[in-house]
């Protein structure tokens, strides 16, 4: 599902990434059941964490350490799960994007694990994880224009080009929309993050997707 280039694998031998392929999903723009669940999840997170204590959370520390090691300042560029949890702790709702994205955002907030998702039909060939190249350009979801990478970031690419800067922003080209039928999910680990956390996140996410989007897990 994903090939980790030898330079990345050699630098971070304990880095794990889990994946899941789901076919035949039915994605809608809005589901009231998800809105209720998002409010419940946000309230539970706010009862357990604060902005002040978040930085000392086991998983947040591991992802922050990973970012520091690759030269990315995690106080300015947040791992996706931390950014989402910080949004919740600031009193803001979990965003409403569509039923699939909302489902995996809930799983990410609950687990603390960043999740990436791609429309399989927009991907060509296999996915490779590698270090970025100096000056390489990336166009992320919601960005008005591409930005240049510094050469130290970890990225994912298919045969066409970059599909993610790992583990905090996915590409606009492969984003999941209401037109998507087949989706690939990646549960993004960091060095020294125990695989049990990724497995728990994957199970939580697939349960949510099954309820709100249907589809069949095929890999």
N, C-alpha and C. Protein backbone atom coordinates (compact mmCIF):
# COMPACT_ATOMS: atom_id res chain seq x y z
N UNK A 1 0.83 -1.21 0.00
CA UNK A 1 0.00 0.00 0.00
C UNK A 1 0.86 1.26 0.00
N UNK A 2 1.94 1.24 0.79
CA UNK A 2 2.86 2.36 0.82
C UNK A 2 4.28 1.82 0.95
N UNK A 3 5.18 2.37 0.16
CA UNK A 3 6.58 1.96 0.17
C UNK A 3 7.38 3.07 0.87
N UNK A 4 8.11 2.72 1.91
CA UNK A 4 8.94 3.70 2.61
C UNK A 4 10.35 3.65 2.02
N UNK A 5 10.77 4.73 1.43
CA UNK A 5 12.08 4.83 0.79
C UNK A 5 13.17 4.55 1.82
N UNK A 6 14.26 3.93 1.38
CA UNK A 6 15.29 3.42 2.29
C UNK A 6 15.92 4.52 3.15
N UNK A 7 16.04 5.74 2.65
CA UNK A 7 16.62 6.81 3.45
C UNK A 7 15.72 7.12 4.65
N UNK A 8 14.41 7.19 4.41
CA UNK A 8 13.47 7.43 5.50
C UNK A 8 13.46 6.23 6.46
N UNK A 9 13.40 5.04 5.90
CA UNK A 9 13.38 3.83 6.73
C UNK A 9 14.65 3.71 7.57
N UNK A 10 15.79 4.08 6.99
CA UNK A 10 17.04 4.01 7.73
C UNK A 10 17.15 5.06 8.82
N UNK A 11 16.57 6.24 8.55
CA UNK A 11 16.61 7.32 9.53
C UNK A 11 15.64 7.08 10.68
N UNK A 12 14.48 6.50 10.33
CA UNK A 12 13.44 6.26 11.33
C UNK A 12 12.97 4.80 11.26
N UNK A 13 13.79 3.88 11.72
CA UNK A 13 13.46 2.44 11.57
C UNK A 13 12.21 2.00 12.32
N UNK A 14 11.79 2.75 13.35
CA UNK A 14 10.61 2.36 14.11
C UNK A 14 9.32 3.01 13.60
N UNK A 15 9.43 3.77 12.51
CA UNK A 15 8.25 4.44 11.96
C UNK A 15 7.30 3.43 11.33
N UNK A 16 6.04 3.46 11.74
CA UNK A 16 5.02 2.57 11.20
C UNK A 16 3.87 3.36 10.59
N UNK A 17 3.32 2.84 9.51
CA UNK A 17 2.13 3.42 8.88
C UNK A 17 1.17 2.27 8.56
N UNK A 18 -0.06 2.39 9.00
CA UNK A 18 -1.09 1.41 8.66
C UNK A 18 -2.00 1.99 7.59
N UNK A 19 -2.60 1.11 6.80
CA UNK A 19 -3.48 1.57 5.75
C UNK A 19 -4.76 0.76 5.69
N UNK A 20 -5.74 1.30 4.99
CA UNK A 20 -6.99 0.60 4.73
C UNK A 20 -7.56 1.12 3.43
N UNK A 21 -8.07 0.21 2.63
CA UNK A 21 -8.71 0.58 1.36
C UNK A 21 -10.20 0.25 1.48
N UNK A 22 -11.03 1.25 1.19
CA UNK A 22 -12.47 1.09 1.31
C UNK A 22 -13.12 1.40 -0.03
N UNK A 23 -13.90 0.49 -0.53
CA UNK A 23 -14.55 0.67 -1.83
C UNK A 23 -16.06 0.79 -1.67
N UNK A 24 -16.65 1.56 -2.56
CA UNK A 24 -18.11 1.69 -2.59
C UNK A 24 -18.69 2.54 -1.48
N UNK A 25 -17.95 3.56 -1.04
CA UNK A 25 -18.48 4.43 0.01
C UNK A 25 -19.54 5.38 -0.57
N UNK A 26 -20.43 5.83 0.29
CA UNK A 26 -21.47 6.79 -0.08
C UNK A 26 -21.29 8.01 0.83
N UNK A 27 -20.82 9.09 0.25
CA UNK A 27 -20.44 10.26 1.03
C UNK A 27 -21.41 11.40 0.78
N UNK A 28 -21.89 11.99 1.86
CA UNK A 28 -22.81 13.12 1.75
C UNK A 28 -22.17 14.35 2.39
N UNK A 29 -22.70 15.51 2.06
CA UNK A 29 -22.13 16.74 2.58
C UNK A 29 -22.39 16.91 4.08
N UNK A 30 -23.56 16.44 4.54
CA UNK A 30 -23.96 16.74 5.92
C UNK A 30 -24.77 15.58 6.47
N UNK A 31 -24.47 15.22 7.71
CA UNK A 31 -25.21 14.17 8.40
C UNK A 31 -25.43 14.64 9.83
N UNK A 32 -26.66 14.85 10.21
CA UNK A 32 -26.96 15.37 11.54
C UNK A 32 -26.45 14.45 12.64
N UNK A 33 -26.44 13.15 12.39
CA UNK A 33 -25.93 12.21 13.39
C UNK A 33 -24.46 12.49 13.70
N UNK A 34 -23.72 12.87 12.68
CA UNK A 34 -22.30 13.19 12.88
C UNK A 34 -22.14 14.47 13.69
N UNK A 35 -23.02 15.43 13.46
CA UNK A 35 -22.93 16.67 14.22
C UNK A 35 -23.14 16.42 15.71
N UNK A 36 -24.09 15.56 16.03
CA UNK A 36 -24.33 15.20 17.43
C UNK A 36 -23.10 14.50 18.02
N UNK A 37 -22.55 13.54 17.25
CA UNK A 37 -21.39 12.80 17.72
C UNK A 37 -20.18 13.71 17.90
N UNK A 38 -19.98 14.63 16.99
CA UNK A 38 -18.85 15.56 17.09
C UNK A 38 -18.95 16.40 18.37
N UNK A 39 -20.15 16.83 18.69
CA UNK A 39 -20.33 17.62 19.92
C UNK A 39 -20.01 16.78 21.15
N UNK A 40 -20.43 15.52 21.13
CA UNK A 40 -20.17 14.63 22.27
C UNK A 40 -18.67 14.37 22.42
N UNK A 41 -18.00 14.11 21.30
CA UNK A 41 -16.56 13.83 21.33
C UNK A 41 -15.79 15.06 21.80
N UNK A 42 -16.17 16.24 21.29
CA UNK A 42 -15.49 17.47 21.68
C UNK A 42 -15.65 17.72 23.18
N UNK A 43 -16.84 17.50 23.70
CA UNK A 43 -17.08 17.71 25.13
C UNK A 43 -16.24 16.75 25.97
N UNK A 44 -16.12 15.52 25.52
CA UNK A 44 -15.32 14.53 26.25
C UNK A 44 -13.85 14.91 26.25
N UNK A 45 -13.34 15.38 25.11
CA UNK A 45 -11.94 15.79 25.03
C UNK A 45 -11.67 16.98 25.93
N UNK A 46 -12.60 17.94 25.95
CA UNK A 46 -12.42 19.12 26.79
C UNK A 46 -12.46 18.78 28.27
N UNK A 47 -13.12 17.67 28.61
CA UNK A 47 -13.18 17.25 30.02
C UNK A 47 -11.88 16.58 30.47
N UNK A 48 -11.05 16.17 29.51
CA UNK A 48 -9.85 15.41 29.85
C UNK A 48 -8.55 16.18 29.61
N UNK A 49 -8.59 17.14 28.70
CA UNK A 49 -7.37 17.84 28.31
C UNK A 49 -7.57 19.35 28.34
N UNK A 50 -6.45 20.06 28.44
CA UNK A 50 -6.43 21.51 28.26
C UNK A 50 -5.29 21.85 27.31
N UNK A 51 -5.29 23.07 26.83
CA UNK A 51 -4.17 23.51 25.97
C UNK A 51 -2.86 23.34 26.72
N UNK A 52 -2.88 23.62 28.02
CA UNK A 52 -1.67 23.54 28.82
C UNK A 52 -1.14 22.13 29.00
N UNK A 53 -2.02 21.16 29.11
CA UNK A 53 -1.59 19.78 29.33
C UNK A 53 -1.36 19.00 28.03
N UNK A 54 -1.87 19.53 26.92
CA UNK A 54 -1.80 18.79 25.66
C UNK A 54 -0.37 18.48 25.24
N UNK A 55 0.53 19.43 25.44
CA UNK A 55 1.90 19.25 24.97
C UNK A 55 2.61 18.10 25.67
N UNK A 56 2.11 17.70 26.84
CA UNK A 56 2.73 16.61 27.59
C UNK A 56 2.05 15.27 27.35
N UNK A 57 1.02 15.26 26.51
CA UNK A 57 0.34 14.02 26.14
C UNK A 57 1.33 13.10 25.43
N UNK A 58 1.32 11.83 25.76
CA UNK A 58 2.30 10.87 25.21
C UNK A 58 2.42 10.96 23.69
N UNK A 59 1.31 10.88 22.98
CA UNK A 59 1.37 10.88 21.52
C UNK A 59 1.78 12.23 20.97
N UNK A 60 1.28 13.31 21.57
CA UNK A 60 1.66 14.64 21.09
C UNK A 60 3.18 14.82 21.17
N UNK A 61 3.77 14.31 22.27
CA UNK A 61 5.22 14.42 22.43
C UNK A 61 5.95 13.66 21.33
N UNK A 62 5.48 12.47 20.98
CA UNK A 62 6.16 11.66 19.97
C UNK A 62 6.12 12.34 18.60
N UNK A 63 4.97 12.90 18.25
CA UNK A 63 4.88 13.57 16.95
C UNK A 63 5.68 14.86 16.93
N UNK A 64 5.66 15.57 18.05
CA UNK A 64 6.47 16.79 18.13
C UNK A 64 7.96 16.45 18.03
N UNK A 65 8.39 15.41 18.71
CA UNK A 65 9.80 15.00 18.63
C UNK A 65 10.18 14.65 17.19
N UNK A 66 9.29 13.97 16.50
CA UNK A 66 9.50 13.61 15.10
C UNK A 66 9.68 14.86 14.25
N UNK A 67 8.82 15.83 14.46
CA UNK A 67 8.92 17.08 13.69
C UNK A 67 10.25 17.79 13.95
N UNK A 68 10.64 17.88 15.23
CA UNK A 68 11.91 18.53 15.54
C UNK A 68 13.07 17.82 14.84
N UNK A 69 13.01 16.50 14.78
CA UNK A 69 14.10 15.72 14.16
C UNK A 69 14.23 15.97 12.67
N UNK A 70 13.12 16.29 12.02
CA UNK A 70 13.20 16.55 10.57
C UNK A 70 13.26 18.06 10.28
N UNK A 71 13.42 18.86 11.32
CA UNK A 71 13.60 20.28 11.11
C UNK A 71 12.33 21.08 10.89
N UNK A 72 11.20 20.54 11.35
CA UNK A 72 9.93 21.25 11.25
C UNK A 72 9.51 21.67 12.66
N UNK A 73 9.22 22.95 12.85
CA UNK A 73 8.86 23.48 14.16
C UNK A 73 7.39 23.12 14.46
N UNK A 74 7.14 22.20 15.40
CA UNK A 74 5.76 21.77 15.67
C UNK A 74 4.93 22.79 16.42
N UNK A 75 5.54 23.90 16.86
CA UNK A 75 4.76 24.96 17.47
C UNK A 75 4.19 25.89 16.40
N UNK A 76 4.67 25.74 15.17
CA UNK A 76 4.17 26.55 14.05
C UNK A 76 3.42 25.70 13.04
N UNK A 77 3.92 24.48 12.82
CA UNK A 77 3.27 23.53 11.92
C UNK A 77 2.89 22.32 12.75
N UNK A 78 1.62 22.17 13.02
CA UNK A 78 1.16 21.14 13.94
C UNK A 78 0.89 19.82 13.21
N UNK A 79 1.24 18.69 13.82
CA UNK A 79 0.74 17.41 13.32
C UNK A 79 -0.79 17.47 13.26
N UNK A 80 -1.38 16.81 12.27
CA UNK A 80 -2.81 16.99 12.01
C UNK A 80 -3.69 16.71 13.21
N UNK A 81 -3.40 15.66 13.96
CA UNK A 81 -4.24 15.33 15.11
C UNK A 81 -4.13 16.39 16.20
N UNK A 82 -2.93 16.90 16.44
CA UNK A 82 -2.78 17.94 17.45
C UNK A 82 -3.51 19.21 17.04
N UNK A 83 -3.41 19.57 15.77
CA UNK A 83 -4.11 20.76 15.30
C UNK A 83 -5.61 20.64 15.52
N UNK A 84 -6.15 19.44 15.26
CA UNK A 84 -7.57 19.22 15.44
C UNK A 84 -7.96 19.29 16.92
N UNK A 85 -7.17 18.66 17.79
CA UNK A 85 -7.48 18.67 19.21
C UNK A 85 -7.34 20.08 19.79
N UNK A 86 -6.35 20.83 19.32
CA UNK A 86 -6.19 22.21 19.78
C UNK A 86 -7.41 23.05 19.38
N UNK A 87 -7.91 22.80 18.19
CA UNK A 87 -9.11 23.51 17.74
C UNK A 87 -10.27 23.23 18.70
N UNK A 88 -10.43 21.97 19.08
CA UNK A 88 -11.51 21.59 20.00
C UNK A 88 -11.32 22.26 21.36
N UNK A 89 -10.09 22.23 21.87
CA UNK A 89 -9.82 22.81 23.19
C UNK A 89 -9.98 24.33 23.19
N UNK A 90 -9.88 24.93 22.01
CA UNK A 90 -10.09 26.38 21.90
C UNK A 90 -11.57 26.73 21.82
N UNK A 91 -12.43 25.70 21.91
CA UNK A 91 -13.87 25.94 21.91
C UNK A 91 -14.51 25.93 20.55
N UNK A 92 -13.75 25.55 19.53
CA UNK A 92 -14.30 25.51 18.17
C UNK A 92 -14.80 24.09 17.87
N UNK A 93 -15.78 23.98 16.98
CA UNK A 93 -16.31 22.66 16.65
C UNK A 93 -15.38 21.89 15.71
N UNK A 94 -15.54 20.58 15.70
CA UNK A 94 -14.87 19.76 14.69
C UNK A 94 -15.45 20.17 13.34
N UNK A 95 -14.64 20.50 12.35
CA UNK A 95 -15.17 21.02 11.08
C UNK A 95 -16.15 20.07 10.41
N UNK A 96 -17.08 20.64 9.66
CA UNK A 96 -17.99 19.87 8.83
C UNK A 96 -17.51 19.96 7.39
N UNK A 97 -16.98 18.86 6.86
CA UNK A 97 -16.45 18.82 5.49
C UNK A 97 -17.36 17.93 4.63
N UNK A 98 -17.41 16.68 4.97
CA UNK A 98 -18.36 15.73 4.41
C UNK A 98 -18.38 14.52 5.33
N UNK A 99 -19.27 13.58 5.10
CA UNK A 99 -19.45 12.50 6.07
C UNK A 99 -18.22 11.61 6.23
N UNK A 100 -17.42 11.46 5.18
CA UNK A 100 -16.22 10.64 5.30
C UNK A 100 -15.13 11.36 6.08
N UNK A 101 -14.85 12.59 5.69
CA UNK A 101 -13.81 13.36 6.37
C UNK A 101 -14.19 13.60 7.83
N UNK A 102 -15.46 13.90 8.06
CA UNK A 102 -15.91 14.11 9.44
C UNK A 102 -15.74 12.84 10.27
N UNK A 103 -16.00 11.68 9.67
CA UNK A 103 -15.86 10.40 10.39
C UNK A 103 -14.42 10.16 10.80
N UNK A 104 -13.48 10.39 9.89
CA UNK A 104 -12.09 10.11 10.27
C UNK A 104 -11.51 11.21 11.16
N UNK A 105 -12.05 12.42 11.06
CA UNK A 105 -11.61 13.46 11.99
C UNK A 105 -12.02 13.12 13.42
N UNK A 106 -13.20 12.55 13.59
CA UNK A 106 -13.63 12.13 14.91
C UNK A 106 -12.68 11.06 15.45
N UNK A 107 -12.34 10.08 14.60
CA UNK A 107 -11.42 9.02 15.03
C UNK A 107 -10.05 9.58 15.36
N UNK A 108 -9.59 10.56 14.61
CA UNK A 108 -8.30 11.17 14.87
C UNK A 108 -8.31 11.93 16.19
N UNK A 109 -9.39 12.65 16.46
CA UNK A 109 -9.49 13.41 17.71
C UNK A 109 -9.54 12.47 18.91
N UNK A 110 -10.26 11.37 18.78
CA UNK A 110 -10.38 10.42 19.88
C UNK A 110 -9.03 9.74 20.16
N UNK A 111 -8.34 9.36 19.10
CA UNK A 111 -7.13 8.55 19.23
C UNK A 111 -5.85 9.35 19.38
N UNK A 112 -5.84 10.58 18.84
CA UNK A 112 -4.61 11.36 18.83
C UNK A 112 -3.68 11.02 17.68
N UNK A 113 -4.14 10.18 16.76
CA UNK A 113 -3.33 9.74 15.62
C UNK A 113 -3.71 10.53 14.37
N UNK A 114 -2.75 11.12 13.65
CA UNK A 114 -3.07 11.78 12.38
C UNK A 114 -3.54 10.75 11.35
N UNK A 115 -4.55 11.12 10.58
CA UNK A 115 -5.09 10.26 9.54
C UNK A 115 -5.05 11.01 8.21
N UNK A 116 -4.60 10.32 7.17
CA UNK A 116 -4.62 10.88 5.82
C UNK A 116 -5.60 10.06 4.99
N UNK A 117 -6.25 10.71 4.03
CA UNK A 117 -7.21 10.00 3.19
C UNK A 117 -7.08 10.49 1.75
N UNK A 118 -7.18 9.55 0.81
CA UNK A 118 -7.01 9.88 -0.60
C UNK A 118 -8.07 9.19 -1.43
N UNK A 119 -8.56 9.91 -2.43
CA UNK A 119 -9.45 9.31 -3.42
C UNK A 119 -8.61 8.38 -4.28
N UNK A 120 -8.86 7.09 -4.16
CA UNK A 120 -8.03 6.11 -4.88
C UNK A 120 -8.05 6.34 -6.38
N UNK A 121 -9.19 6.77 -6.91
CA UNK A 121 -9.31 6.94 -8.35
C UNK A 121 -8.53 8.14 -8.86
N UNK A 122 -8.02 8.97 -7.95
CA UNK A 122 -7.18 10.11 -8.34
C UNK A 122 -5.70 9.78 -8.20
N UNK A 123 -5.38 8.60 -7.70
CA UNK A 123 -3.99 8.18 -7.50
C UNK A 123 -3.54 7.29 -8.63
N UNK A 124 -2.33 7.51 -9.08
CA UNK A 124 -1.75 6.66 -10.14
C UNK A 124 -0.54 5.93 -9.59
N UNK A 125 -0.58 4.60 -9.68
CA UNK A 125 0.56 3.79 -9.24
C UNK A 125 0.63 3.66 -7.73
N UNK A 126 1.80 3.25 -7.27
CA UNK A 126 2.00 3.03 -5.84
C UNK A 126 2.34 4.34 -5.13
N UNK A 127 2.28 4.31 -3.81
CA UNK A 127 2.59 5.48 -2.99
C UNK A 127 3.95 5.28 -2.34
N UNK A 128 4.80 6.28 -2.46
CA UNK A 128 6.13 6.24 -1.89
C UNK A 128 6.26 7.31 -0.80
N UNK A 129 6.87 6.94 0.31
CA UNK A 129 7.24 7.92 1.34
C UNK A 129 8.72 8.22 1.20
N UNK A 130 9.05 9.50 1.14
CA UNK A 130 10.45 9.91 0.97
C UNK A 130 10.64 11.28 1.60
N UNK A 131 11.90 11.73 1.64
CA UNK A 131 12.17 13.10 2.04
C UNK A 131 11.92 14.01 0.85
N UNK A 132 11.48 15.21 1.13
CA UNK A 132 11.20 16.17 0.06
C UNK A 132 12.50 16.67 -0.57
N UNK A 133 12.34 17.35 -1.69
CA UNK A 133 13.46 17.97 -2.39
C UNK A 133 13.40 19.48 -2.21
N UNK A 134 14.54 20.12 -2.10
CA UNK A 134 14.58 21.57 -1.92
C UNK A 134 13.88 22.25 -3.09
N UNK A 135 12.92 23.12 -2.78
CA UNK A 135 12.21 23.86 -3.81
C UNK A 135 11.03 23.15 -4.42
N UNK A 136 10.82 21.90 -4.04
CA UNK A 136 9.68 21.13 -4.53
C UNK A 136 8.39 21.82 -4.07
N UNK A 137 7.39 21.87 -4.96
CA UNK A 137 6.16 22.58 -4.64
C UNK A 137 5.04 21.62 -4.28
N UNK A 138 4.20 22.08 -3.35
CA UNK A 138 3.10 21.26 -2.87
C UNK A 138 1.85 22.11 -2.75
N UNK A 139 0.73 21.58 -3.23
CA UNK A 139 -0.55 22.26 -3.14
C UNK A 139 -1.50 21.50 -2.24
N UNK A 140 -1.69 21.99 -1.03
CA UNK A 140 -2.52 21.30 -0.05
C UNK A 140 -3.97 21.71 -0.10
N UNK A 141 -4.82 20.93 0.53
CA UNK A 141 -6.25 21.22 0.60
C UNK A 141 -6.46 22.58 1.27
N UNK A 142 -7.26 23.41 0.64
CA UNK A 142 -7.60 24.71 1.21
C UNK A 142 -6.56 25.79 1.01
N UNK A 143 -5.47 25.47 0.33
CA UNK A 143 -4.41 26.46 0.11
C UNK A 143 -4.67 27.23 -1.18
N UNK A 144 -4.47 28.53 -1.13
CA UNK A 144 -4.69 29.36 -2.31
C UNK A 144 -3.59 29.18 -3.35
N UNK A 145 -2.41 28.87 -2.90
CA UNK A 145 -1.30 28.65 -3.83
C UNK A 145 -0.34 27.63 -3.25
N UNK A 146 0.47 27.06 -4.13
CA UNK A 146 1.45 26.07 -3.69
C UNK A 146 2.55 26.74 -2.86
N UNK A 147 3.21 25.95 -2.03
CA UNK A 147 4.36 26.47 -1.31
C UNK A 147 5.56 25.57 -1.56
N UNK A 148 6.74 26.14 -1.38
CA UNK A 148 7.97 25.40 -1.64
C UNK A 148 8.44 24.67 -0.39
N UNK A 149 8.85 23.43 -0.57
CA UNK A 149 9.37 22.63 0.53
C UNK A 149 10.87 22.89 0.71
N UNK A 150 11.35 22.62 1.91
CA UNK A 150 12.73 22.96 2.25
C UNK A 150 13.71 21.81 2.03
N UNK A 151 13.19 20.61 1.80
CA UNK A 151 14.06 19.47 1.58
C UNK A 151 14.24 18.58 2.79
N UNK A 152 13.59 18.94 3.90
CA UNK A 152 13.71 18.13 5.11
C UNK A 152 12.39 17.45 5.49
N UNK A 153 11.30 17.86 4.87
CA UNK A 153 9.99 17.29 5.19
C UNK A 153 9.87 15.85 4.66
N UNK A 154 9.03 15.08 5.31
CA UNK A 154 8.68 13.75 4.82
C UNK A 154 7.41 13.89 3.98
N UNK A 155 7.43 13.34 2.78
CA UNK A 155 6.29 13.50 1.87
C UNK A 155 5.84 12.14 1.33
N UNK A 156 4.63 12.14 0.78
CA UNK A 156 4.09 10.97 0.08
C UNK A 156 3.84 11.38 -1.37
N UNK A 157 4.15 10.48 -2.29
CA UNK A 157 3.91 10.78 -3.69
C UNK A 157 3.41 9.56 -4.43
N UNK A 158 2.65 9.80 -5.52
CA UNK A 158 2.31 8.74 -6.46
C UNK A 158 3.08 9.02 -7.75
N UNK A 159 2.70 8.39 -8.86
CA UNK A 159 3.45 8.58 -10.10
C UNK A 159 3.24 9.96 -10.72
N UNK A 160 2.21 10.67 -10.27
CA UNK A 160 1.94 12.01 -10.81
C UNK A 160 2.69 13.08 -10.03
N UNK A 161 2.71 12.94 -8.71
CA UNK A 161 3.37 13.95 -7.89
C UNK A 161 3.04 13.77 -6.43
N UNK A 162 3.25 14.81 -5.65
CA UNK A 162 3.05 14.74 -4.21
C UNK A 162 1.56 14.66 -3.87
N UNK A 163 1.26 13.83 -2.86
CA UNK A 163 -0.12 13.72 -2.39
C UNK A 163 -0.26 14.09 -0.92
N UNK A 164 0.86 14.28 -0.22
CA UNK A 164 0.78 14.68 1.19
C UNK A 164 2.14 15.11 1.70
N UNK A 165 2.13 16.04 2.65
CA UNK A 165 3.28 16.30 3.50
C UNK A 165 2.95 15.64 4.83
N UNK A 166 3.75 14.70 5.23
CA UNK A 166 3.45 13.78 6.33
C UNK A 166 3.86 14.36 7.69
N UNK A 167 3.03 14.27 8.69
CA UNK A 167 1.64 13.84 8.69
C UNK A 167 0.70 15.00 9.01
N UNK A 168 0.71 16.04 8.15
CA UNK A 168 -0.14 17.17 8.52
C UNK A 168 -0.92 17.82 7.41
N UNK A 169 -0.65 17.51 6.14
CA UNK A 169 -1.48 18.13 5.10
C UNK A 169 -1.53 17.23 3.87
N UNK A 170 -2.76 17.02 3.35
CA UNK A 170 -2.96 16.22 2.15
C UNK A 170 -3.12 17.14 0.95
N UNK A 171 -2.88 16.59 -0.24
CA UNK A 171 -2.94 17.37 -1.46
C UNK A 171 -4.38 17.58 -1.92
N UNK A 172 -4.61 18.71 -2.56
CA UNK A 172 -5.93 19.00 -3.09
C UNK A 172 -6.31 18.03 -4.20
N UNK A 173 -5.35 17.60 -4.98
CA UNK A 173 -5.61 16.73 -6.14
C UNK A 173 -6.27 15.42 -5.76
N UNK A 174 -5.95 14.88 -4.60
CA UNK A 174 -6.44 13.55 -4.22
C UNK A 174 -7.42 13.60 -3.04
N UNK A 175 -7.97 14.77 -2.75
CA UNK A 175 -8.85 14.90 -1.59
C UNK A 175 -10.13 14.10 -1.77
N UNK A 176 -10.73 13.73 -0.65
CA UNK A 176 -11.97 12.95 -0.64
C UNK A 176 -13.16 13.91 -0.66
N UNK A 177 -14.05 13.72 -1.63
CA UNK A 177 -15.23 14.57 -1.79
C UNK A 177 -16.48 13.70 -1.84
N UNK A 178 -17.62 14.32 -2.00
CA UNK A 178 -18.87 13.57 -2.09
C UNK A 178 -18.92 12.73 -3.37
N UNK A 179 -18.06 13.03 -4.32
CA UNK A 179 -18.02 12.24 -5.56
C UNK A 179 -17.13 11.01 -5.43
N UNK A 180 -16.34 10.94 -4.37
CA UNK A 180 -15.41 9.82 -4.18
C UNK A 180 -16.18 8.53 -3.87
N UNK A 181 -15.73 7.44 -4.47
CA UNK A 181 -16.35 6.13 -4.25
C UNK A 181 -15.39 5.15 -3.58
N UNK A 182 -14.11 5.32 -3.83
CA UNK A 182 -13.09 4.41 -3.32
C UNK A 182 -12.01 5.24 -2.63
N UNK A 183 -11.71 4.90 -1.39
CA UNK A 183 -10.83 5.75 -0.59
C UNK A 183 -9.74 4.93 0.09
N UNK A 184 -8.54 5.50 0.15
CA UNK A 184 -7.45 4.92 0.91
C UNK A 184 -7.21 5.75 2.16
N UNK A 185 -7.16 5.09 3.29
CA UNK A 185 -6.86 5.74 4.56
C UNK A 185 -5.47 5.33 5.02
N UNK A 186 -4.73 6.29 5.55
CA UNK A 186 -3.44 6.00 6.17
C UNK A 186 -3.46 6.48 7.61
N UNK A 187 -3.03 5.62 8.50
CA UNK A 187 -2.96 5.93 9.92
C UNK A 187 -1.49 6.17 10.23
N UNK A 188 -1.18 7.43 10.44
CA UNK A 188 0.20 7.91 10.37
C UNK A 188 0.92 7.82 11.71
N UNK A 189 1.89 6.95 11.78
CA UNK A 189 2.69 6.82 12.98
C UNK A 189 3.85 7.78 13.01
N UNK A 190 4.59 7.72 14.08
CA UNK A 190 5.83 8.49 14.25
C UNK A 190 6.82 7.57 14.93
N UNK A 191 8.11 7.88 14.86
CA UNK A 191 9.10 7.03 15.54
C UNK A 191 8.75 6.80 17.00
N UNK A 192 8.84 5.55 17.42
CA UNK A 192 8.61 5.12 18.80
C UNK A 192 7.14 5.13 19.22
N UNK A 193 6.21 5.43 18.30
CA UNK A 193 4.80 5.30 18.63
C UNK A 193 4.43 3.82 18.50
N UNK A 194 3.97 3.25 19.59
CA UNK A 194 3.61 1.84 19.62
C UNK A 194 2.50 1.56 18.61
N UNK A 195 2.66 0.48 17.86
CA UNK A 195 1.70 0.12 16.84
C UNK A 195 0.29 -0.09 17.37
N UNK A 196 0.15 -0.37 18.66
CA UNK A 196 -1.19 -0.59 19.22
C UNK A 196 -2.05 0.65 19.10
N UNK A 197 -1.44 1.84 19.13
CA UNK A 197 -2.20 3.07 18.99
C UNK A 197 -2.72 3.23 17.56
N UNK A 198 -1.92 2.83 16.60
CA UNK A 198 -2.36 2.88 15.21
C UNK A 198 -3.49 1.88 14.95
N UNK A 199 -3.36 0.70 15.52
CA UNK A 199 -4.39 -0.33 15.34
C UNK A 199 -5.71 0.14 15.96
N UNK A 200 -5.64 0.71 17.15
CA UNK A 200 -6.85 1.19 17.81
C UNK A 200 -7.50 2.31 17.00
N UNK A 201 -6.69 3.20 16.45
CA UNK A 201 -7.20 4.29 15.63
C UNK A 201 -7.86 3.75 14.37
N UNK A 202 -7.20 2.78 13.73
CA UNK A 202 -7.75 2.18 12.51
C UNK A 202 -9.10 1.54 12.79
N UNK A 203 -9.20 0.79 13.86
CA UNK A 203 -10.45 0.13 14.20
C UNK A 203 -11.55 1.15 14.48
N UNK A 204 -11.22 2.19 15.23
CA UNK A 204 -12.18 3.24 15.54
C UNK A 204 -12.65 3.93 14.26
N UNK A 205 -11.72 4.24 13.39
CA UNK A 205 -12.05 4.95 12.16
C UNK A 205 -12.93 4.10 11.24
N UNK A 206 -12.59 2.84 11.07
CA UNK A 206 -13.37 1.98 10.18
C UNK A 206 -14.78 1.76 10.71
N UNK A 207 -14.94 1.74 12.02
CA UNK A 207 -16.29 1.65 12.59
C UNK A 207 -17.11 2.88 12.22
N UNK A 208 -16.50 4.04 12.36
CA UNK A 208 -17.21 5.29 12.06
C UNK A 208 -17.55 5.37 10.57
N UNK A 209 -16.60 5.06 9.73
CA UNK A 209 -16.84 5.12 8.29
C UNK A 209 -17.94 4.14 7.88
N UNK A 210 -17.91 2.96 8.46
CA UNK A 210 -18.94 1.96 8.13
C UNK A 210 -20.34 2.46 8.46
N UNK A 211 -20.48 3.10 9.61
CA UNK A 211 -21.79 3.59 10.03
C UNK A 211 -22.27 4.73 9.16
N UNK A 212 -21.38 5.68 8.85
CA UNK A 212 -21.82 6.91 8.20
C UNK A 212 -21.61 6.94 6.68
N UNK A 213 -20.79 6.02 6.15
CA UNK A 213 -20.50 6.06 4.71
C UNK A 213 -20.61 4.70 4.03
N UNK A 214 -20.80 3.64 4.80
CA UNK A 214 -20.89 2.31 4.21
C UNK A 214 -19.57 1.89 3.57
N UNK A 215 -19.68 1.14 2.48
CA UNK A 215 -18.48 0.66 1.79
C UNK A 215 -17.96 -0.64 2.35
N UNK A 216 -16.99 -1.19 1.64
CA UNK A 216 -16.39 -2.47 2.02
C UNK A 216 -14.88 -2.32 2.14
N UNK A 217 -14.33 -2.78 3.25
CA UNK A 217 -12.87 -2.75 3.45
C UNK A 217 -12.29 -3.90 2.65
N UNK A 218 -11.39 -3.59 1.72
CA UNK A 218 -10.82 -4.63 0.85
C UNK A 218 -9.32 -4.77 1.04
N UNK A 219 -8.73 -4.02 1.92
CA UNK A 219 -7.31 -4.14 2.14
C UNK A 219 -6.80 -3.09 3.11
